Protein backbone atom coordinates (compact mmCIF):
# COMPACT_ATOMS: atom_id res chain seq x y z
CA MET A 1 -46.08 42.45 -143.17
CA ARG A 2 -47.03 45.44 -140.96
CA ASN A 3 -49.00 43.18 -138.65
CA ARG A 4 -46.06 40.76 -138.47
CA LEU A 5 -43.67 43.63 -137.64
CA ILE A 6 -46.03 44.86 -134.93
CA ALA A 7 -46.23 41.34 -133.53
CA LEU A 8 -42.43 41.02 -133.66
CA ALA A 9 -42.00 44.38 -131.92
CA GLY A 10 -44.46 43.30 -129.24
CA ALA A 11 -42.59 40.04 -128.71
CA LEU A 12 -39.30 41.90 -128.40
CA LEU A 13 -40.86 44.29 -125.88
CA VAL A 14 -42.16 41.39 -123.79
CA ALA A 15 -38.74 39.72 -123.97
CA ALA A 16 -37.05 42.92 -122.84
CA VAL A 17 -39.44 43.24 -119.90
CA MET A 18 -38.79 39.60 -118.95
CA VAL A 19 -35.01 40.11 -119.08
CA THR A 20 -35.30 43.26 -116.98
CA ALA A 21 -37.45 41.42 -114.43
CA ALA A 22 -34.99 38.54 -114.32
CA LEU A 23 -32.08 40.89 -113.74
CA ALA A 24 -34.02 42.66 -110.98
CA THR A 25 -34.13 39.47 -108.90
CA LYS A 26 -30.42 39.75 -108.21
CA PRO A 27 -28.42 42.82 -107.20
CA GLY A 28 -25.44 41.99 -109.41
CA PRO A 29 -21.73 42.25 -108.70
CA GLY A 30 -21.70 46.03 -108.57
CA ALA A 31 -24.15 46.27 -105.65
CA SER A 32 -21.68 45.81 -102.81
CA THR A 33 -23.61 47.65 -100.09
CA GLY A 34 -27.01 47.20 -98.53
CA VAL A 35 -29.00 48.05 -95.43
CA GLY A 36 -29.88 45.92 -92.43
CA SER A 37 -31.43 46.25 -88.98
CA VAL A 38 -29.23 45.29 -86.04
CA PHE A 39 -28.72 45.78 -82.31
CA VAL A 40 -25.81 48.05 -81.29
CA SER A 41 -24.40 46.27 -79.41
CA ASN A 42 -27.48 44.84 -77.74
CA PRO A 43 -30.80 46.12 -76.33
CA VAL A 44 -29.65 46.19 -72.71
CA GLN A 45 -26.65 48.33 -73.59
CA SER A 46 -28.25 50.82 -75.99
CA LEU A 47 -31.49 51.25 -74.01
CA GLY A 48 -29.97 51.00 -70.54
CA ASP A 49 -32.73 48.57 -69.58
CA GLU A 50 -31.65 45.68 -67.34
CA SER A 51 -35.24 44.40 -67.05
CA LEU A 52 -35.37 43.06 -70.62
CA THR A 53 -35.83 39.31 -71.02
CA ASP A 54 -35.89 37.01 -74.03
CA GLN A 55 -39.54 35.85 -73.80
CA ASN A 56 -38.98 33.09 -76.33
CA ASP A 57 -37.74 35.31 -79.17
CA SER A 58 -40.75 37.59 -78.90
CA ASP A 59 -40.61 40.80 -80.94
CA ALA A 60 -42.65 42.50 -78.22
CA ALA A 61 -39.94 41.76 -75.64
CA VAL A 62 -37.57 44.34 -77.17
CA PRO A 63 -38.66 47.92 -77.98
CA ALA A 64 -38.36 49.11 -81.57
CA ALA A 65 -35.87 51.74 -80.37
CA ALA A 66 -33.28 48.98 -79.93
CA TYR A 67 -33.08 48.38 -83.71
CA TYR A 68 -30.72 50.47 -85.83
CA ASP A 69 -30.49 50.64 -89.60
CA VAL A 70 -26.87 50.23 -90.66
CA THR A 71 -24.98 49.98 -93.92
CA LEU A 72 -23.94 46.45 -94.83
CA THR A 73 -20.70 46.73 -96.77
CA ASN A 74 -18.53 44.36 -98.82
CA LEU A 75 -21.46 42.24 -100.05
CA ASP A 76 -20.76 40.09 -103.09
CA GLY A 77 -23.91 41.07 -105.02
CA SER A 78 -25.53 37.62 -104.80
CA GLY A 79 -28.47 38.84 -102.73
CA PHE A 80 -27.33 36.68 -99.83
CA LEU A 81 -25.27 37.67 -96.80
CA ASN A 82 -21.99 36.70 -98.40
CA GLY A 83 -19.11 39.07 -98.82
CA ASP A 84 -15.42 39.81 -98.54
CA TRP A 85 -15.17 39.11 -94.81
CA ALA A 86 -18.15 36.91 -93.88
CA THR A 87 -20.21 34.10 -95.39
CA ILE A 88 -23.38 33.29 -93.46
CA TYR A 89 -25.15 29.92 -93.29
CA SER A 90 -28.17 28.81 -91.27
CA SER A 91 -28.88 25.42 -89.71
CA THR A 92 -32.44 26.19 -88.62
CA GLY A 93 -34.08 28.48 -91.14
CA ASN A 94 -33.94 30.09 -94.55
CA ALA A 95 -30.88 31.98 -95.64
CA ALA A 96 -31.55 35.72 -95.67
CA TYR A 97 -32.02 36.89 -99.26
CA SER A 98 -32.92 40.24 -100.79
CA PRO A 99 -32.92 41.28 -104.46
CA THR A 100 -32.24 44.84 -103.29
CA ASN A 101 -29.75 44.07 -100.50
CA THR A 102 -32.33 45.20 -97.93
CA PHE A 103 -32.17 43.05 -94.80
CA ARG A 104 -34.61 44.39 -92.23
CA TYR A 105 -35.90 41.71 -89.84
CA MET A 106 -37.25 41.58 -86.30
CA ARG A 107 -35.66 39.31 -83.73
CA HIS A 108 -38.22 36.49 -84.01
CA ALA A 109 -36.84 35.71 -87.47
CA ASP A 110 -33.71 33.56 -87.81
CA GLU A 111 -32.62 35.95 -90.55
CA PHE A 112 -32.16 38.71 -87.97
CA GLU A 113 -29.27 36.82 -86.38
CA GLN A 114 -27.75 36.25 -89.81
CA VAL A 115 -27.74 40.00 -90.40
CA MET A 116 -26.21 40.58 -86.96
CA ALA A 117 -23.40 38.12 -87.63
CA TYR A 118 -22.66 39.51 -91.09
CA TYR A 119 -22.61 43.12 -89.93
CA TRP A 120 -20.53 42.70 -86.79
CA ILE A 121 -17.91 40.36 -88.25
CA THR A 122 -17.54 42.59 -91.31
CA GLU A 123 -17.17 45.68 -89.12
CA ALA A 124 -14.64 43.87 -86.92
CA GLN A 125 -12.49 42.90 -89.90
CA LYS A 126 -12.70 46.43 -91.27
CA TYR A 127 -11.49 47.67 -87.90
CA VAL A 128 -8.61 45.16 -87.93
CA GLN A 129 -7.59 46.46 -91.35
CA SER A 130 -7.93 50.08 -90.24
CA LEU A 131 -5.18 49.31 -87.71
CA GLY A 132 -2.89 48.34 -90.60
CA PHE A 133 -3.24 44.55 -90.60
CA GLY A 134 -3.27 43.32 -94.17
CA SER A 135 -1.37 46.36 -95.43
CA LYS A 136 1.31 47.66 -93.05
CA TYR A 137 1.29 44.45 -90.99
CA ARG A 138 0.45 40.81 -91.63
CA GLY A 139 -3.23 40.20 -92.32
CA VAL A 140 -5.43 38.55 -89.69
CA ASP A 141 -8.39 36.49 -90.96
CA ASN A 142 -8.77 38.78 -93.97
CA HIS A 143 -10.91 36.36 -95.97
CA PRO A 144 -14.61 35.39 -95.93
CA GLN A 145 -15.15 33.98 -92.43
CA LYS A 146 -17.63 31.08 -92.49
CA VAL A 147 -20.42 31.54 -89.94
CA ARG A 148 -23.21 29.11 -89.09
CA ILE A 149 -26.25 30.41 -87.21
CA ASP A 150 -28.23 28.33 -84.68
CA GLN A 151 -25.99 25.28 -84.94
CA TRP A 152 -28.00 22.20 -83.95
CA GLY A 153 -30.37 24.40 -81.96
CA GLN A 154 -28.04 24.17 -78.95
CA ASP A 155 -27.31 26.99 -76.52
CA ASN A 156 -23.61 27.15 -77.22
CA SER A 157 -21.31 29.10 -79.50
CA PHE A 158 -17.78 28.26 -80.53
CA GLU A 159 -15.11 28.63 -83.19
CA THR A 160 -13.94 25.34 -84.69
CA ASP A 161 -11.91 23.77 -87.47
CA HIS A 162 -13.84 20.46 -87.43
CA PRO A 163 -15.00 19.50 -90.00
CA THR A 164 -14.40 22.96 -91.49
CA GLN A 165 -13.08 26.28 -90.21
CA GLU A 166 -16.17 28.20 -89.07
CA ILE A 167 -17.87 29.97 -86.19
CA ARG A 168 -21.10 28.46 -84.89
CA TYR A 169 -23.65 30.46 -82.92
CA GLY A 170 -26.21 28.67 -80.78
CA LYS A 171 -29.88 29.02 -79.89
CA GLY A 172 -31.49 29.09 -76.47
CA GLY A 173 -32.09 31.72 -73.81
CA VAL A 174 -31.25 34.81 -75.80
CA ASP A 175 -30.09 33.42 -79.15
CA ASP A 176 -26.35 34.01 -79.13
CA ALA A 177 -26.11 35.97 -82.38
CA GLU A 178 -28.55 38.57 -81.02
CA ASP A 179 -25.75 39.91 -78.83
CA ALA A 180 -22.92 41.54 -80.77
CA GLU A 181 -20.53 40.85 -77.91
CA VAL A 182 -21.12 37.10 -78.22
CA ILE A 183 -20.55 37.35 -81.98
CA LEU A 184 -17.29 39.23 -81.52
CA HIS A 185 -16.04 37.05 -78.67
CA GLU A 186 -16.11 34.04 -80.98
CA TYR A 187 -14.58 36.08 -83.78
CA GLY A 188 -11.73 36.78 -81.38
CA HIS A 189 -10.92 33.05 -81.38
CA ALA A 190 -11.02 33.07 -85.19
CA LEU A 191 -8.49 35.92 -85.19
CA HIS A 192 -6.20 33.91 -82.95
CA ASN A 193 -6.49 30.87 -85.20
CA ALA A 194 -5.62 33.04 -88.18
CA GLN A 195 -2.52 34.26 -86.31
CA ASN A 196 -1.18 30.73 -85.87
CA PHE A 197 -1.94 31.02 -82.14
CA SER A 198 -1.40 27.65 -80.43
CA PHE A 199 -4.03 26.49 -77.94
CA ALA A 200 -1.48 24.17 -76.36
CA SER A 201 -2.17 24.85 -72.67
CA GLU A 202 -4.87 25.95 -70.26
CA GLU A 203 -3.23 29.35 -69.99
CA ALA A 204 -3.28 29.70 -73.77
CA GLY A 205 -7.00 28.93 -73.70
CA ALA A 206 -7.49 31.52 -70.96
CA ILE A 207 -5.58 34.13 -72.97
CA SER A 208 -7.90 33.54 -75.93
CA GLU A 209 -11.04 33.65 -73.77
CA GLY A 210 -9.88 36.87 -72.13
CA PHE A 211 -8.99 38.37 -75.49
CA GLY A 212 -12.41 37.36 -76.88
CA ASP A 213 -14.16 39.23 -74.07
CA TYR A 214 -11.95 42.26 -74.52
CA TRP A 215 -12.31 42.19 -78.30
CA ALA A 216 -16.10 42.13 -77.99
CA VAL A 217 -16.05 45.32 -75.94
CA THR A 218 -13.41 47.26 -77.85
CA VAL A 219 -15.05 46.70 -81.25
CA THR A 220 -18.63 47.37 -80.11
CA ASP A 221 -17.44 50.55 -78.41
CA VAL A 222 -15.69 51.76 -81.57
CA VAL A 223 -18.71 50.98 -83.77
CA ALA A 224 -21.27 52.44 -81.36
CA LYS A 225 -19.33 55.69 -81.15
CA SER A 226 -19.02 55.87 -84.95
CA LEU A 227 -22.80 55.44 -85.28
CA GLY A 228 -23.66 57.78 -82.42
CA VAL A 229 -25.47 55.02 -80.52
CA PRO A 230 -25.58 55.52 -76.73
CA GLU A 231 -23.82 53.09 -74.41
CA LYS A 232 -25.81 53.20 -71.20
CA GLU A 233 -24.40 50.24 -69.28
CA PRO A 234 -20.87 49.74 -67.91
CA LEU A 235 -18.55 48.83 -70.80
CA PRO A 236 -16.57 46.24 -68.77
CA CYS A 237 -19.80 44.21 -68.40
CA VAL A 238 -19.57 41.66 -71.20
CA MET A 239 -22.52 40.11 -73.09
CA ASP A 240 -25.16 41.83 -70.97
CA TRP A 241 -28.07 40.84 -73.23
CA ASP A 242 -27.15 37.16 -73.43
CA ALA A 243 -26.46 37.18 -69.68
CA THR A 244 -30.07 38.08 -68.82
CA SER A 245 -30.95 34.40 -69.25
CA TYR A 246 -28.30 33.20 -66.78
CA THR A 247 -27.80 35.86 -64.12
CA SER A 248 -30.07 37.37 -61.47
CA THR A 249 -27.86 40.22 -60.30
CA VAL A 250 -27.85 43.65 -61.96
CA PRO A 251 -26.08 44.60 -64.10
CA HIS A 252 -26.34 41.34 -66.00
CA CYS A 253 -22.81 40.34 -67.03
CA LEU A 254 -21.63 37.00 -68.35
CA ARG A 255 -18.13 38.13 -67.35
CA ARG A 256 -16.33 41.41 -66.67
CA LEU A 257 -13.16 43.13 -67.81
CA ASP A 258 -12.53 44.90 -64.49
CA THR A 259 -12.14 42.16 -61.89
CA ASP A 260 -9.26 42.34 -59.42
CA MET A 261 -7.84 38.84 -59.88
CA HIS A 262 -4.08 38.20 -59.96
CA TYR A 263 -1.76 35.75 -61.65
CA PRO A 264 -0.94 33.06 -60.71
CA ASP A 265 -2.75 32.98 -57.35
CA ASP A 266 -6.26 33.23 -58.79
CA LEU A 267 -5.84 30.68 -61.58
CA SER A 268 -8.56 28.04 -61.25
CA GLY A 269 -7.90 25.86 -64.28
CA GLU A 270 -11.13 27.01 -65.98
CA VAL A 271 -10.33 29.06 -69.08
CA HIS A 272 -13.24 31.53 -68.90
CA HIS A 273 -12.56 32.34 -65.24
CA ASP A 274 -8.80 32.62 -65.76
CA GLY A 275 -9.36 34.67 -68.87
CA GLU A 276 -10.65 37.51 -66.71
CA ILE A 277 -7.11 38.03 -65.40
CA TRP A 278 -5.90 38.54 -68.98
CA SER A 279 -8.87 40.65 -70.10
CA ARG A 280 -8.38 43.05 -67.15
CA ALA A 281 -4.79 43.66 -68.26
CA LEU A 282 -5.94 44.32 -71.84
CA TRP A 283 -8.66 46.68 -70.59
CA ASP A 284 -6.12 48.63 -68.53
CA ILE A 285 -3.85 48.88 -71.56
CA ARG A 286 -6.73 50.35 -73.57
CA GLN A 287 -7.54 52.81 -70.81
CA SER A 288 -3.91 53.89 -70.69
CA ILE A 289 -2.94 54.28 -74.37
CA GLY A 290 -6.26 54.33 -76.26
CA ASN A 291 -7.94 51.72 -78.41
CA VAL A 292 -5.93 52.21 -81.62
CA LYS A 293 -2.51 51.70 -80.07
CA ALA A 294 -3.80 49.10 -77.62
CA ASP A 295 -5.51 46.92 -80.20
CA THR A 296 -2.58 47.13 -82.60
CA VAL A 297 -0.17 46.10 -79.87
CA ILE A 298 -2.47 43.37 -78.48
CA LEU A 299 -3.02 41.75 -81.88
CA THR A 300 0.68 41.91 -82.71
CA GLY A 301 1.64 40.42 -79.36
CA THR A 302 -0.14 37.13 -80.04
CA MET A 303 1.13 36.53 -83.58
CA ASP A 304 2.49 32.96 -83.73
CA PHE A 305 2.06 32.54 -79.95
CA PRO A 306 3.40 29.04 -79.09
CA GLY A 307 0.75 28.34 -76.45
CA THR A 308 2.87 28.58 -73.32
CA THR A 309 2.07 31.01 -70.47
CA MET A 310 0.45 34.37 -69.80
CA THR A 311 3.87 35.71 -68.87
CA ALA A 312 5.29 34.75 -72.25
CA ALA A 313 2.35 36.34 -74.09
CA ALA A 314 2.64 39.48 -71.96
CA ASN A 315 6.36 39.84 -72.70
CA SER A 316 5.64 39.42 -76.42
CA THR A 317 3.00 42.15 -76.18
CA ILE A 318 5.37 44.49 -74.34
CA ALA A 319 7.99 43.91 -77.02
CA ALA A 320 5.40 44.70 -79.69
CA ALA A 321 4.61 48.02 -77.98
CA GLN A 322 8.29 48.93 -77.96
CA GLN A 323 8.76 47.93 -81.59
CA LEU A 324 5.60 49.56 -82.95
CA TYR A 325 5.62 52.73 -80.84
CA ASP A 326 8.13 53.73 -78.15
CA ALA A 327 9.46 53.13 -74.64
CA LYS A 328 6.65 55.13 -73.04
CA THR A 329 4.01 52.93 -74.67
CA ALA A 330 5.88 49.77 -73.70
CA LYS A 331 6.10 51.02 -70.11
CA ALA A 332 2.32 51.52 -69.96
CA VAL A 333 1.72 48.03 -71.35
CA ARG A 334 4.15 46.51 -68.87
CA ALA A 335 2.46 48.34 -65.98
CA ALA A 336 -0.93 46.84 -66.89
CA PHE A 337 0.46 43.30 -66.91
CA ALA A 338 2.47 43.92 -63.74
CA ALA A 339 -0.66 45.07 -61.90
CA ARG A 340 -2.14 41.62 -62.56
CA GLY A 341 1.05 39.84 -61.46
CA ILE A 342 1.60 38.48 -65.00
CA VAL A 343 5.07 40.07 -65.30
């Protein structure tokens, strides 16, 4: 009997160890935070090095100093990069998984871009909510945003609702999800979709492109300052890491927020070009009244936008400034749009 009890005790001990080991393979629903390595916002910006090039995803192409450990919040405890505000998929590699919610990768790994997308979209939504959207004001995309990394291996990124509502980040040159400003530009389109923004005209498309560029800069600036990460390149230069594959002039900028174009004379019919008229107005608003007021007003101004003209969207934004704040704020917003000829 004693031997049988000893054997039974041993079996129970082994079973307990096996259960513990099984549970250890998954963080569980209570483990909502983790750690990951990311660029803030990209290596060119944080290092101030315009000579960096992609070199076919080489780890050696980017100094270790460009990587920052950050807290990944709002994870669902599955061990994957799924959470309250982002759900990450991959078309070209394994889904990032960690039993301890530890997601440290170098840039050669597809998982690195997954971490980048999860972190920056989550931080962007947290910023949106810090402005009062989802509590004081109507929520904007406050659900798990579907994100697909390296869609089809093509060098293109876009937000789409076909066949499902998701953001897709492409591969080629600098892989798009390595640059936080590319990530956030596309998230800007997702915010507009969530606002019932109508893409019914070329000017509506330009407004969304200009907002996406502006949104990329305002959010990365807020996050970089909160983390104490240096910003060594001009802030109005958008997507300066991704742009190294397409531009020869320094600084490398895919587009800028500080051009001197005017409406309607400089409209070309190409949404990215025309969007620089809109983004300059948004940038001037931010410079005048600060990011918190500016971003609250700008997001409110495009709620349920019917897809007409820049002038209509500008007047809606001015009205939002008056309603949310005061006449002085509305006057500053109007001045920024007037300087571009929009009102």
